[in-house]
Amino acid sequence: MIPKSISHYFCAATLWCCSAAAFMGCEDQLDITPKGKVTLETTAELELLLNQEYLLGDYPSDNLGILCGESVGMFDQVSAVLSQTNTVKYALMAFDEAVDRATLTTDDVRYNSIYKYVNYMNTIIEKLPDSSGDESRKPALLAEARVMRAWFHFLCAAIYARQYDEATADKDGGIAYVTSTEVTGQKTKLTLAETYRCILDDCTDELIAQLPADHGTQVMRGDRAWGNAVRAVVLLQMKRYAEALPYAEEAIRLRPQMFDRSVIKETGEWVQDEISDNNLLYIGGAARIAPTMEMLALETAELFEAGDYVINYERTGWSLDYGKMYSGIDGVRMFMGWSTSCNVYGLTSEQLRYVAAECLIRTGRVGEGLALVNEVRQCRVEDCQPFAAASEREAMQLLQQAKFIECLSTPFNFMDRKRWNTEADYRRPVTHRLGSLGTYTLQPESPLWVQPFPVNAVRYNPTLTQNY
């Protein structure tokens, strides 16, 4: 008999393969001809590029999570990682700025996947106006492709460039904002200010209004809640909190559903799939399962509240035994449930509540902000006692702790810490306490906060200089 955990894994893998096969015909038609053309011609054929399961090919917990102090990787013995000093994983674990990450990063599946999906969106945007098919469908499809293009470029900028700062964004390096399917022309890297202007131009109010009102359970398709959420998160990252707030609130109004983890108390298992209605749009990592295999840093394990449903009731959840077995460090927790599909690179209604909460707190409405935090906590913590604070800084400390646990296995803990590190009130070093292997500290201004462009991207593009 196959053990339950293994059977879950094979089931997930089989479902992923079936999903991939369903779109193989569409993928074949995307093959580039010598003239740079693609063979998709009808509106219905172009829409197939939106009907897919987005997977970016990696887990943030295995790189970004290490940097922000969330994790110590996935399945790696930490002692083995630290013994191989000329690797990117070593640089992240030991916070060693001397390692030449740019040379060692020969390829990057996440970076490649981002631009693959950008190319899909550009194909729709370029070919849709002249396609044959239902004309009434075209405005919504065009808007959906534009907002998706904005999101993928946003992920790229947040990971591979410095934190956006109004005072320096015109000088800081950004990314290549690709708006064409032309494969031979050079894609010029923009400044960070130009990059974010392009992102916002792809998720304007006018485009958001063109999106379908509600895609229901089609959580791989962008509706109006998704469009508002994208603009809210982008503006939050730009520290434009008052502007971000109404978009976050509208996204919550349109998609208020949350996933209530109190059911784990009865079932003993955290069963959550990618079509859960708390997902505004689902984008996976290397596969559907998450946070499976993530090993939490000691500092993160200490952030769980005493009544956390997953800690207390999930039979194979954040296990200390598995954590010690695979990491080699006492106190590390490793998630080994195989029925959970947390939204890795997409967005959830819970995350939008944290976006709105921070915007409220930053604009002087501390009580309203913490009320949204408490809404989420009621679905996460047994006998939840409401947070209360008298000042912005006190409220932010409470929000930061709860949001960190909510955003495990996503890039958002990395993005938040990177953003907060540019502010005097909230900057702080990250520390890895690794038992007998030592203690390592990452400073807020470290160049490690900017991920390198891969060698295969910079080799043929002289404008794509590293951003650190």
Protein backbone atom coordinates (compact mmCIF):
# COMPACT_ATOMS: atom_id res chain seq x y z
CA MET A 1 0.00 0.00 0.00
CA ILE A 2 1.29 3.46 -0.87
CA PRO A 3 1.62 5.71 2.23
CA LYS A 4 -0.98 8.47 2.32
CA SER A 5 1.56 11.30 2.03
CA ILE A 6 3.19 9.71 -1.01
CA SER A 7 -0.16 9.00 -2.68
CA HIS A 8 -1.07 12.68 -2.26
CA TYR A 9 2.16 13.59 -4.00
CA PHE A 10 1.51 11.29 -6.95
CA CYS A 11 -2.05 12.54 -7.20
CA ALA A 12 -0.85 16.15 -7.35
CA ALA A 13 1.78 15.26 -9.93
CA THR A 14 -0.75 13.39 -12.06
CA LEU A 15 -3.22 16.27 -11.93
CA TRP A 16 -0.50 18.71 -12.94
CA CYS A 17 0.53 16.52 -15.90
CA CYS A 18 -3.09 16.23 -17.04
CA SER A 19 -3.49 19.99 -16.78
CA ALA A 20 -0.32 20.53 -18.78
CA ALA A 21 -1.47 18.08 -21.45
CA ALA A 22 -4.74 19.92 -21.81
CA PHE A 23 -2.89 23.02 -22.98
CA MET A 24 -0.23 21.29 -25.05
CA GLY A 25 -2.07 22.11 -28.25
CA CYS A 26 -1.98 25.79 -27.34
CA GLU A 27 1.71 25.58 -26.38
CA ASP A 28 2.51 24.00 -29.77
CA GLN A 29 0.91 26.91 -31.56
CA LEU A 30 3.12 29.30 -29.60
CA ASP A 31 6.26 27.97 -31.27
CA ILE A 32 8.02 30.93 -32.85
CA THR A 33 8.44 30.78 -36.65
CA PRO A 34 11.51 32.29 -38.35
CA LYS A 35 9.60 35.52 -38.88
CA GLY A 36 8.73 35.79 -35.19
CA LYS A 37 5.07 34.97 -35.80
CA VAL A 38 2.73 32.67 -33.90
CA THR A 39 -0.12 30.64 -35.37
CA LEU A 40 -2.95 31.58 -32.98
CA GLU A 41 -5.52 33.48 -35.03
CA THR A 42 -8.99 33.40 -33.50
CA THR A 43 -10.24 35.09 -30.36
CA ALA A 44 -11.05 31.69 -28.85
CA GLU A 45 -7.55 30.38 -29.59
CA LEU A 46 -5.94 33.43 -28.01
CA GLU A 47 -8.09 33.05 -24.91
CA LEU A 48 -6.53 29.63 -24.39
CA LEU A 49 -3.36 31.46 -23.31
CA LEU A 50 -5.30 32.67 -20.28
CA ASN A 51 -6.88 29.27 -19.57
CA GLN A 52 -3.92 27.64 -17.88
CA GLU A 53 -2.34 26.86 -14.56
CA TYR A 54 0.42 29.37 -13.91
CA LEU A 55 3.51 27.82 -12.28
CA LEU A 56 6.74 29.79 -11.86
CA GLY A 57 8.93 26.74 -11.38
CA ASP A 58 10.37 27.36 -7.94
CA TYR A 59 9.41 27.85 -4.32
CA PRO A 60 10.20 31.23 -2.71
CA SER A 61 10.90 29.44 0.57
CA ASP A 62 14.05 27.95 -0.98
CA ASN A 63 15.65 31.35 -1.71
CA LEU A 64 13.67 34.50 -0.88
CA GLY A 65 12.42 32.92 2.33
CA ILE A 66 15.97 32.20 3.45
CA LEU A 67 16.95 35.84 2.91
CA CYS A 68 14.11 37.35 4.89
CA GLY A 69 14.61 34.93 7.79
CA GLU A 70 11.47 32.88 7.12
CA SER A 71 13.08 29.57 6.26
CA VAL A 72 16.27 27.54 6.16
CA GLY A 73 15.39 26.06 2.77
CA MET A 74 13.71 22.84 1.68
CA PHE A 75 15.08 19.36 2.36
CA ASP A 76 18.65 20.69 2.76
CA GLN A 77 20.92 19.76 5.63
CA VAL A 78 22.02 23.22 6.74
CA SER A 79 25.52 21.97 7.60
CA ALA A 80 25.92 20.71 4.02
CA VAL A 81 24.79 24.06 2.60
CA LEU A 82 27.28 25.97 4.76
CA SER A 83 30.13 23.61 3.83
CA GLN A 84 29.89 24.44 0.09
CA THR A 85 30.97 28.05 0.16
CA ASN A 86 30.88 28.79 -3.57
CA THR A 87 27.15 28.38 -4.11
CA VAL A 88 24.22 30.78 -4.17
CA LYS A 89 22.45 28.76 -1.47
CA TYR A 90 25.48 29.21 0.80
CA ALA A 91 25.48 32.98 0.15
CA LEU A 92 21.85 33.19 1.20
CA MET A 93 22.17 30.96 4.26
CA ALA A 94 25.36 32.59 5.56
CA PHE A 95 24.41 36.10 4.34
CA ASP A 96 27.79 36.20 2.58
CA GLU A 97 27.97 39.25 0.29
CA ALA A 98 31.39 38.22 -1.06
CA VAL A 99 29.98 35.29 -3.06
CA ASP A 100 29.68 36.11 -6.78
CA ARG A 101 25.98 35.34 -7.12
CA ALA A 102 25.75 36.85 -10.62
CA THR A 103 28.27 34.41 -12.08
CA LEU A 104 26.85 31.44 -10.17
CA THR A 105 23.28 32.14 -11.29
CA THR A 106 23.63 30.56 -14.71
CA ASP A 107 19.89 30.07 -15.05
CA ASP A 108 16.76 31.04 -13.12
CA VAL A 109 13.54 29.13 -13.77
CA ARG A 110 11.41 31.76 -12.01
CA TYR A 111 12.84 34.59 -14.11
CA ASN A 112 12.41 32.56 -17.30
CA SER A 113 8.83 31.63 -16.39
CA ILE A 114 7.89 35.23 -15.69
CA TYR A 115 8.95 36.32 -19.16
CA LYS A 116 7.38 33.26 -20.76
CA TYR A 117 4.02 34.33 -19.37
CA VAL A 118 4.71 37.95 -20.35
CA ASN A 119 5.17 36.68 -23.91
CA TYR A 120 1.81 34.90 -23.72
CA MET A 121 0.15 38.15 -22.64
CA ASN A 122 1.89 40.12 -25.39
CA THR A 123 0.68 37.58 -27.94
CA ILE A 124 -2.90 38.23 -26.85
CA ILE A 125 -2.45 42.01 -26.78
CA GLU A 126 -0.88 42.14 -30.25
CA LYS A 127 -3.10 39.65 -32.06
CA LEU A 128 -6.46 40.12 -30.39
CA PRO A 129 -7.61 43.26 -32.28
CA ASP A 130 -7.32 41.52 -35.67
CA SER A 131 -8.49 38.09 -34.54
CA SER A 132 -11.69 36.55 -35.82
CA GLY A 133 -14.32 35.89 -33.21
CA ASP A 134 -16.74 37.49 -30.77
CA GLU A 135 -15.97 41.23 -30.76
CA SER A 136 -17.75 41.72 -27.43
CA ARG A 137 -15.21 39.46 -25.71
CA LYS A 138 -12.16 41.40 -26.80
CA PRO A 139 -12.14 44.34 -24.32
CA ALA A 140 -12.26 42.00 -21.31
CA LEU A 141 -9.60 39.67 -22.70
CA LEU A 142 -7.33 42.57 -23.56
CA ALA A 143 -7.74 44.02 -20.06
CA GLU A 144 -7.02 40.64 -18.46
CA ALA A 145 -3.82 40.23 -20.49
CA ARG A 146 -2.70 43.76 -19.59
CA VAL A 147 -3.26 43.25 -15.85
CA MET A 148 -1.52 39.87 -15.96
CA ARG A 149 1.41 41.48 -17.78
CA ALA A 150 1.56 44.08 -15.01
CA TRP A 151 1.60 41.42 -12.29
CA PHE A 152 4.39 39.34 -13.79
CA HIS A 153 6.56 42.42 -14.34
CA PHE A 154 5.79 43.52 -10.77
CA LEU A 155 7.03 40.21 -9.39
CA CYS A 156 10.18 40.57 -11.46
CA ALA A 157 10.87 44.14 -10.30
CA ALA A 158 10.18 43.36 -6.64
CA ILE A 159 12.63 40.44 -6.70
CA TYR A 160 15.39 41.52 -9.11
CA ALA A 161 15.58 45.27 -8.41
CA ARG A 162 15.96 47.48 -5.36
CA GLN A 163 13.04 48.54 -3.21
CA TYR A 164 11.11 51.33 -4.89
CA ASP A 165 11.86 54.71 -3.31
CA GLU A 166 10.44 57.90 -4.79
CA ALA A 167 13.68 59.80 -4.13
CA THR A 168 15.94 57.38 -6.02
CA ALA A 169 13.67 55.48 -8.42
CA ASP A 170 14.67 57.64 -11.42
CA LYS A 171 18.29 56.54 -10.92
CA ASP A 172 17.87 52.97 -9.68
CA GLY A 173 17.92 50.15 -12.22
CA GLY A 174 14.67 48.35 -12.94
CA ILE A 175 13.91 45.54 -15.36
CA ALA A 176 13.14 45.09 -19.04
CA TYR A 177 9.44 45.83 -19.48
CA VAL A 178 8.57 43.70 -22.49
CA THR A 179 5.57 44.77 -24.56
CA SER A 180 6.30 43.00 -27.84
CA THR A 181 6.49 39.44 -29.09
CA GLU A 182 9.48 40.35 -31.27
CA VAL A 183 12.16 37.85 -30.27
CA THR A 184 15.22 39.29 -32.00
CA GLY A 185 15.19 42.87 -30.73
CA GLN A 186 17.03 43.88 -27.58
CA LYS A 187 14.84 44.42 -24.53
CA THR A 188 16.20 47.52 -22.81
CA LYS A 189 16.31 47.67 -19.04
CA LEU A 190 14.35 50.64 -17.70
CA THR A 191 14.89 52.64 -14.55
CA LEU A 192 12.87 51.54 -11.54
CA ALA A 193 10.63 54.61 -11.91
CA GLU A 194 9.95 53.79 -15.56
CA THR A 195 9.29 50.16 -14.67
CA TYR A 196 6.64 51.04 -12.10
CA ARG A 197 5.04 53.59 -14.42
CA CYS A 198 4.64 50.83 -17.00
CA ILE A 199 3.19 48.47 -14.39
CA LEU A 200 0.60 51.04 -13.32
CA ASP A 201 -0.23 51.81 -16.96
CA ASP A 202 -1.15 48.12 -17.37
CA CYS A 203 -3.61 48.11 -14.45
CA THR A 204 -5.45 51.42 -14.78
CA ASP A 205 -8.97 52.06 -13.54
CA GLU A 206 -10.20 51.86 -17.13
CA LEU A 207 -8.66 48.43 -17.67
CA ILE A 208 -9.87 47.12 -14.31
CA ALA A 209 -13.41 48.22 -15.17
CA GLN A 210 -13.24 46.12 -18.37
CA LEU A 211 -12.54 42.91 -16.41
CA PRO A 212 -15.38 40.47 -15.71
CA ALA A 213 -17.21 41.27 -12.50
CA ASP A 214 -16.56 37.80 -11.06
CA HIS A 215 -14.83 34.70 -12.40
CA GLY A 216 -16.19 32.57 -9.57
CA THR A 217 -14.20 29.36 -9.19
CA GLN A 218 -12.00 30.08 -12.24
CA VAL A 219 -9.15 31.14 -9.99
CA MET A 220 -6.59 31.05 -12.82
CA ARG A 221 -8.47 33.89 -14.55
CA GLY A 222 -8.37 37.55 -13.62
CA ASP A 223 -11.60 39.33 -12.68
CA ARG A 224 -12.29 42.77 -11.20
CA ALA A 225 -11.27 41.72 -7.69
CA TRP A 226 -7.92 40.56 -9.11
CA GLY A 227 -7.40 43.82 -11.01
CA ASN A 228 -8.04 45.93 -7.92
CA ALA A 229 -5.78 43.66 -5.88
CA VAL A 230 -2.89 43.99 -8.34
CA ARG A 231 -3.04 47.78 -8.28
CA ALA A 232 -3.31 47.80 -4.48
CA VAL A 233 -0.23 45.63 -4.00
CA VAL A 234 1.83 47.61 -6.52
CA LEU A 235 0.95 50.92 -4.81
CA LEU A 236 1.70 49.38 -1.39
CA GLN A 237 5.16 48.37 -2.63
CA MET A 238 5.64 51.96 -3.82
CA LYS A 239 4.69 53.13 -0.28
CA ARG A 240 1.69 55.03 -1.62
CA TYR A 241 -0.53 53.80 1.17
CA ALA A 242 -3.45 56.23 0.88
CA GLU A 243 -3.73 55.48 -2.86
CA ALA A 244 -3.54 51.72 -2.35
CA LEU A 245 -6.30 51.57 0.26
CA PRO A 246 -9.44 51.98 -1.91
CA TYR A 247 -8.21 49.32 -4.35
CA ALA A 248 -7.55 46.86 -1.54
CA GLU A 249 -10.95 47.57 0.00
CA GLU A 250 -12.68 47.07 -3.36
CA ALA A 251 -10.88 43.75 -3.89
CA ILE A 252 -12.09 42.59 -0.45
CA ARG A 253 -15.64 43.75 -1.20
CA LEU A 254 -15.69 41.79 -4.44
CA ARG A 255 -14.00 38.67 -3.00
CA PRO A 256 -14.62 38.62 0.78
CA GLN A 257 -14.35 34.84 1.26
CA MET A 258 -11.64 33.59 3.59
CA PHE A 259 -10.39 30.06 4.21
CA ASP A 260 -11.31 29.09 7.78
CA ARG A 261 -8.63 26.81 9.18
CA SER A 262 -10.68 25.95 12.26
CA VAL A 263 -11.92 22.89 10.31
CA ILE A 264 -8.46 21.38 10.89
CA LYS A 265 -9.46 20.90 14.53
CA GLU A 266 -12.06 18.35 13.41
CA THR A 267 -10.31 16.78 10.38
CA GLY A 268 -6.70 16.75 11.56
CA GLU A 269 -5.64 17.70 8.03
CA TRP A 270 -5.18 21.03 6.25
CA VAL A 271 -7.04 20.31 2.99
CA GLN A 272 -6.98 23.36 0.73
CA ASP A 273 -6.77 23.25 -3.04
CA GLU A 274 -5.98 25.84 -5.69
CA ILE A 275 -9.66 26.50 -6.48
CA SER A 276 -10.37 27.65 -2.93
CA ASP A 277 -12.60 30.73 -3.16
CA ASN A 278 -10.25 32.86 -1.05
CA ASN A 279 -7.88 32.93 -4.06
CA LEU A 280 -8.27 36.05 -6.18
CA LEU A 281 -5.99 34.40 -8.73
CA TYR A 282 -3.84 31.34 -8.15
CA ILE A 283 -0.19 31.17 -9.30
CA GLY A 284 1.85 28.21 -8.11
CA GLY A 285 5.53 27.63 -7.55
CA ALA A 286 7.13 24.40 -8.78
CA ALA A 287 3.88 22.46 -8.29
CA ARG A 288 0.52 22.85 -6.60
CA ILE A 289 1.57 21.79 -3.11
CA ALA A 290 2.76 24.46 -0.65
CA PRO A 291 4.09 25.00 2.00
CA THR A 292 5.04 21.31 1.86
CA MET A 293 8.77 20.72 2.43
CA GLU A 294 9.49 24.24 3.73
CA MET A 295 11.71 24.28 6.84
CA LEU A 296 11.02 27.27 9.07
CA ALA A 297 13.79 29.26 10.71
CA LEU A 298 13.79 29.31 14.49
CA GLU A 299 12.74 32.97 14.51
CA THR A 300 9.70 32.17 12.36
CA ALA A 301 8.66 29.19 14.48
CA GLU A 302 8.56 31.54 17.45
CA LEU A 303 6.00 33.81 15.75
CA PHE A 304 3.12 31.30 15.79
CA GLU A 305 0.37 32.19 18.23
CA ALA A 306 -0.43 29.65 20.95
CA GLY A 307 -3.80 28.74 19.45
CA ASP A 308 -2.68 28.29 15.84
CA TYR A 309 -4.89 25.63 14.24
CA VAL A 310 -2.19 24.21 11.97
CA ILE A 311 0.40 23.91 14.74
CA ASN A 312 -2.03 22.35 17.20
CA TYR A 313 -4.18 20.07 15.05
CA GLU A 314 -2.57 19.25 11.68
CA ARG A 315 -1.27 15.69 12.02
CA THR A 316 1.62 16.09 9.55
CA GLY A 317 1.86 19.88 9.65
CA TRP A 318 4.74 21.98 10.97
CA SER A 319 6.64 19.03 12.40
CA LEU A 320 9.61 19.44 14.74
CA ASP A 321 10.66 15.85 14.03
CA TYR A 322 10.84 16.30 10.27
CA GLY A 323 12.46 19.70 10.76
CA LYS A 324 15.27 18.24 12.86
CA MET A 325 15.65 15.22 10.55
CA TYR A 326 16.12 17.23 7.36
CA SER A 327 17.71 20.48 8.56
CA GLY A 328 19.84 19.03 11.34
CA ILE A 329 18.80 21.84 13.71
CA ASP A 330 16.67 21.51 16.86
CA GLY A 331 13.56 23.70 16.82
CA VAL A 332 13.17 23.91 13.04
CA ARG A 333 9.66 23.06 11.87
CA MET A 334 9.02 21.40 8.48
CA PHE A 335 5.62 21.15 6.82
CA MET A 336 4.85 17.65 5.53
CA GLY A 337 1.13 17.78 4.72
CA TRP A 338 0.42 16.98 1.05
CA SER A 339 -3.14 18.29 0.73
CA THR A 340 -2.42 22.02 0.88
CA SER A 341 -2.12 24.34 -2.10
CA CYS A 342 -1.30 27.74 -0.67
CA ASN A 343 -1.33 30.50 -3.27
CA VAL A 344 2.40 31.01 -3.84
CA TYR A 345 2.76 33.83 -6.39
CA GLY A 346 -0.89 34.92 -6.69
CA LEU A 347 -3.06 36.74 -4.14
CA THR A 348 -5.70 35.83 -1.56
CA SER A 349 -8.47 37.79 0.12
CA GLU A 350 -6.63 37.37 3.44
CA GLN A 351 -3.49 38.99 2.03
CA LEU A 352 -5.59 41.89 0.73
CA ARG A 353 -6.93 42.40 4.24
CA TYR A 354 -3.34 42.81 5.41
CA VAL A 355 -2.68 45.27 2.58
CA ALA A 356 -5.72 47.31 3.56
CA ALA A 357 -4.83 46.99 7.25
CA GLU A 358 -1.35 48.43 6.76
CA CYS A 359 -2.73 51.25 4.62
CA LEU A 360 -5.26 52.10 7.34
CA ILE A 361 -2.63 51.99 10.08
CA ARG A 362 -0.23 54.14 8.03
CA THR A 363 -2.95 56.75 7.49
CA GLY A 364 -3.89 57.08 11.16
CA ARG A 365 -6.81 54.62 11.35
CA VAL A 366 -5.11 52.15 13.68
CA GLY A 367 -8.24 50.54 15.11
CA GLU A 368 -9.79 49.90 11.69
CA GLY A 369 -6.53 48.40 10.45
CA LEU A 370 -6.21 45.99 13.37
CA ALA A 371 -9.86 45.02 12.96
CA LEU A 372 -8.99 43.60 9.53
CA VAL A 373 -5.99 41.77 11.00
CA ASN A 374 -8.28 40.31 13.64
CA GLU A 375 -10.72 39.12 10.93
CA VAL A 376 -7.99 36.93 9.49
CA ARG A 377 -6.73 35.80 12.87
CA GLN A 378 -10.21 34.56 13.80
CA CYS A 379 -9.81 32.00 10.99
CA ARG A 380 -6.29 31.03 12.06
CA VAL A 381 -6.14 31.05 15.87
CA GLU A 382 -8.35 29.23 18.37
CA ASP A 383 -9.78 31.45 21.15
CA CYS A 384 -8.34 34.44 19.31
CA GLN A 385 -7.93 37.51 21.47
CA PRO A 386 -8.28 40.74 19.44
CA PHE A 387 -5.19 42.84 18.85
CA ALA A 388 -5.33 46.44 20.06
CA ALA A 389 -2.73 49.21 19.93
CA ALA A 390 -2.45 52.90 20.80
CA SER A 391 0.05 53.92 18.11
CA GLU A 392 1.07 53.18 14.54
CA ARG A 393 4.32 51.54 15.61
CA GLU A 394 2.57 49.23 18.10
CA ALA A 395 -0.03 48.30 15.51
CA MET A 396 2.59 47.67 12.85
CA GLN A 397 4.47 45.31 15.16
CA LEU A 398 1.31 43.25 15.64
CA LEU A 399 0.50 43.29 11.93
CA GLN A 400 4.03 42.28 10.97
CA GLN A 401 3.99 39.22 13.23
CA ALA A 402 0.60 37.95 12.07
CA LYS A 403 1.17 38.73 8.39
CA PHE A 404 4.51 36.92 8.39
CA ILE A 405 2.79 33.67 9.36
CA GLU A 406 -0.05 34.27 6.90
CA CYS A 407 2.38 34.77 3.99
CA LEU A 408 4.60 31.73 4.53
CA SER A 409 5.75 30.07 1.30
CA THR A 410 5.11 33.22 -0.77
CA PRO A 411 7.45 36.05 -1.86
CA PHE A 412 5.56 38.61 0.23
CA ASN A 413 7.54 38.22 3.47
CA PHE A 414 10.65 38.99 1.41
CA MET A 415 8.99 41.98 -0.29
CA ASP A 416 7.63 43.35 2.99
CA ARG A 417 10.91 43.07 4.88
CA LYS A 418 12.76 44.64 1.94
CA ARG A 419 10.27 47.54 1.94
CA TRP A 420 10.24 47.99 5.71
CA ASN A 421 14.04 47.96 5.77
CA THR A 422 14.07 51.31 3.94
CA GLU A 423 12.14 53.00 6.78
CA ALA A 424 13.79 54.16 10.00
CA ASP A 425 10.88 53.06 12.21
CA TYR A 426 10.72 49.51 10.86
CA ARG A 427 14.15 48.53 9.58
CA ARG A 428 15.90 45.69 11.38
CA PRO A 429 18.55 43.08 10.62
CA VAL A 430 17.61 39.47 9.90
CA THR A 431 19.33 36.80 11.99
CA HIS A 432 19.83 33.11 11.30
CA ARG A 433 20.36 31.20 14.53
CA LEU A 434 21.66 27.85 13.35
CA GLY A 435 22.53 26.09 16.60
CA SER A 436 26.10 24.83 16.75
CA LEU A 437 26.62 26.02 13.15
CA GLY A 438 26.65 29.62 14.31
CA THR A 439 24.62 32.82 14.00
CA TYR A 440 24.52 34.93 10.84
CA THR A 441 23.13 38.44 10.39
CA LEU A 442 21.86 40.27 7.31
CA GLN A 443 21.78 44.07 7.44
CA PRO A 444 18.88 46.07 5.94
CA GLU A 445 21.11 47.76 3.35
CA SER A 446 22.79 44.54 2.12
CA PRO A 447 23.04 43.99 -1.66
CA LEU A 448 21.72 40.45 -1.03
CA TRP A 449 18.20 41.91 -0.98
CA VAL A 450 18.44 42.25 -4.78
CA GLN A 451 18.46 38.97 -6.69
CA PRO A 452 20.81 38.67 -9.69
CA PHE A 453 19.64 38.46 -13.28
CA PRO A 454 20.67 35.02 -14.60
CA VAL A 455 23.70 34.66 -16.87
CA ASN A 456 21.57 33.36 -19.73
CA ALA A 457 19.62 36.65 -19.67
CA VAL A 458 22.50 39.13 -19.39
CA ARG A 459 24.85 37.40 -21.87
CA TYR A 460 23.05 38.79 -24.92
CA ASN A 461 21.69 42.00 -23.39
CA PRO A 462 24.29 44.60 -22.42
CA THR A 463 21.59 46.86 -20.89
CA LEU A 464 20.71 44.20 -18.33
CA THR A 465 23.33 45.17 -15.77
CA GLN A 466 22.88 43.87 -12.23
CA ASN A 467 20.88 46.06 -9.86
CA TYR A 468 23.24 45.70 -6.89
